[in-house]
Amino acid sequence: MAKFIESEPNSHNTITVGTEITGDIVSNGDMRLDGVLNGNLTAKGKLVVGESGKVNGAIICKNSDIYGIVEGKLDVSELLALKATAQIIGDIETNRLAIEPGCKFTGTCKMTDEYSQSGRPDETEA
């Protein structure tokens, strides 16, 4: 009998330089992207977009370090770190934000203290 095994929360997925993916990615663990993704990315752990990495789509994750290019919405429930080489075109929604000098960011930023289980701000609290 086949057995479905859900990946461990501490698992790590890597998309390397020279790889281009069209479609959405859902990961139960951490992820590093050094290639190109044309689609949305959802990770329950930490996402690192390397200097050669590019995402054309929405990102939803717990924590993220961005060194490369993101064109789309970033929804990070805890800490988003935009490194000096990062280029962001899109809106950001996060709890905590760190931006290094040199980063290019075009869009809006909404910072909230509380996130519900879905990763969205809990609008029931005042």
Protein backbone atom coordinates (compact mmCIF):
# COMPACT_ATOMS: atom_id res chain seq x y z
CA MET A 1 0.00 0.00 0.00
CA ALA A 2 1.25 3.48 -0.86
CA LYS A 3 1.79 5.78 2.06
CA PHE A 4 1.58 9.58 1.87
CA ILE A 5 4.41 11.20 3.79
CA GLU A 6 4.13 14.91 4.48
CA SER A 7 7.50 16.64 4.39
CA GLU A 8 9.04 17.77 7.64
CA PRO A 9 8.66 21.46 8.55
CA ASN A 10 12.47 21.75 8.62
CA SER A 11 12.89 20.37 5.08
CA HIS A 12 14.72 22.56 2.56
CA ASN A 13 13.90 22.91 -1.15
CA THR A 14 16.25 24.54 -3.66
CA ILE A 15 15.61 25.84 -7.17
CA THR A 16 19.02 26.46 -8.68
CA VAL A 17 20.44 28.94 -11.21
CA GLY A 18 19.37 28.10 -14.76
CA THR A 19 16.03 26.60 -13.68
CA GLU A 20 12.84 28.33 -14.80
CA ILE A 21 9.46 27.21 -13.48
CA THR A 22 6.04 28.31 -14.71
CA GLY A 23 3.31 27.52 -12.19
CA ASP A 24 2.62 27.78 -8.48
CA ILE A 25 4.82 26.26 -5.77
CA VAL A 26 3.64 25.18 -2.31
CA SER A 27 6.24 24.07 0.24
CA ASN A 28 5.78 22.80 3.80
CA GLY A 29 9.37 23.72 4.68
CA ASP A 30 12.07 26.25 3.85
CA MET A 31 12.93 27.19 0.27
CA ARG A 32 15.79 28.83 -1.61
CA LEU A 33 15.20 30.17 -5.11
CA ASP A 34 18.18 31.05 -7.32
CA GLY A 35 16.32 30.43 -10.58
CA VAL A 36 13.18 32.02 -12.07
CA LEU A 37 9.58 31.40 -10.96
CA ASN A 38 6.67 32.65 -13.06
CA GLY A 39 3.89 31.94 -10.60
CA ASN A 40 2.96 32.17 -6.94
CA LEU A 41 5.00 30.74 -4.09
CA THR A 42 3.69 29.67 -0.69
CA ALA A 43 6.11 28.38 1.96
CA LYS A 44 5.35 27.52 5.59
CA GLY A 45 8.98 28.19 6.51
CA LYS A 46 11.63 30.66 5.39
CA LEU A 47 12.08 31.74 1.78
CA VAL A 48 15.40 33.00 0.43
CA VAL A 49 15.45 34.56 -3.03
CA GLY A 50 19.13 34.61 -4.06
CA GLU A 51 20.83 37.35 -6.09
CA SER A 52 20.13 35.47 -9.33
CA GLY A 53 16.57 34.60 -8.23
CA LYS A 54 13.47 36.18 -9.74
CA VAL A 55 9.81 35.75 -8.83
CA ASN A 56 7.01 37.04 -11.05
CA GLY A 57 4.03 36.42 -8.76
CA ALA A 58 2.78 36.56 -5.19
CA ILE A 59 4.78 35.24 -2.25
CA ILE A 60 3.29 34.05 1.04
CA CYS A 61 5.68 32.78 3.73
CA LYS A 62 6.67 32.99 7.39
CA ASN A 63 10.11 34.67 7.02
CA SER A 64 12.02 35.82 3.96
CA ASP A 65 15.42 37.16 2.88
CA ILE A 66 15.30 38.77 -0.57
CA TYR A 67 18.56 39.33 -2.49
CA GLY A 68 17.08 39.11 -6.01
CA ILE A 69 14.03 40.40 -7.89
CA VAL A 70 10.37 40.09 -6.89
CA GLU A 71 7.55 41.45 -9.05
CA GLY A 72 4.36 40.83 -7.10
CA LYS A 73 2.85 40.97 -3.64
CA LEU A 74 4.90 39.85 -0.63
CA ASP A 75 2.92 38.59 2.37
CA VAL A 76 5.36 37.66 5.15
CA SER A 77 3.85 36.84 8.54
CA GLU A 78 7.00 37.47 10.60
CA LEU A 79 10.26 39.06 9.32
CA LEU A 80 10.98 40.28 5.79
CA ALA A 81 14.62 41.26 5.14
CA LEU A 82 15.30 43.16 1.91
CA LYS A 83 19.03 42.98 1.17
CA ALA A 84 21.07 45.64 -0.67
CA THR A 85 20.81 43.79 -4.01
CA ALA A 86 17.02 43.30 -3.80
CA GLN A 87 14.60 44.84 -6.30
CA ILE A 88 10.94 44.77 -5.29
CA ILE A 89 8.06 45.91 -7.48
CA GLY A 90 4.84 45.28 -5.60
CA ASP A 91 3.09 45.63 -2.29
CA ILE A 92 4.40 44.29 1.01
CA GLU A 93 2.43 43.09 4.01
CA THR A 94 4.52 41.98 7.00
CA ASN A 95 4.91 42.10 10.75
CA ARG A 96 8.59 43.21 10.78
CA LEU A 97 10.66 44.73 7.97
CA ALA A 98 14.44 45.21 7.58
CA ILE A 99 15.72 47.12 4.54
CA GLU A 100 19.44 47.43 3.74
CA PRO A 101 20.72 50.55 1.97
CA GLY A 102 20.80 49.97 -1.80
CA CYS A 103 17.58 47.98 -1.97
CA LYS A 104 15.10 49.20 -4.62
CA PHE A 105 11.44 49.05 -3.54
CA THR A 106 8.49 50.36 -5.53
CA GLY A 107 5.09 49.76 -3.95
CA THR A 108 3.29 50.09 -0.65
CA CYS A 109 4.03 48.54 2.71
CA LYS A 110 1.51 47.59 5.39
CA MET A 111 2.87 46.50 8.76
CA THR A 112 0.67 44.71 11.28
CA ASP A 113 1.34 43.30 14.74
CA GLU A 114 -0.99 40.33 14.71
CA TYR A 115 -1.54 37.64 12.11
CA SER A 116 -4.23 35.01 12.17
CA GLN A 117 -3.55 31.33 11.34
CA SER A 118 -4.11 32.03 7.63
CA GLY A 119 -1.23 34.52 7.55
CA ARG A 120 -3.59 37.44 7.06
CA PRO A 121 -4.07 40.26 9.57
CA ASP A 122 -6.68 39.45 12.19
CA GLU A 123 -9.28 42.12 11.52
CA THR A 124 -11.34 41.20 14.60
CA GLU A 125 -8.87 42.91 16.92
CA ALA A 126 -9.07 46.65 17.39
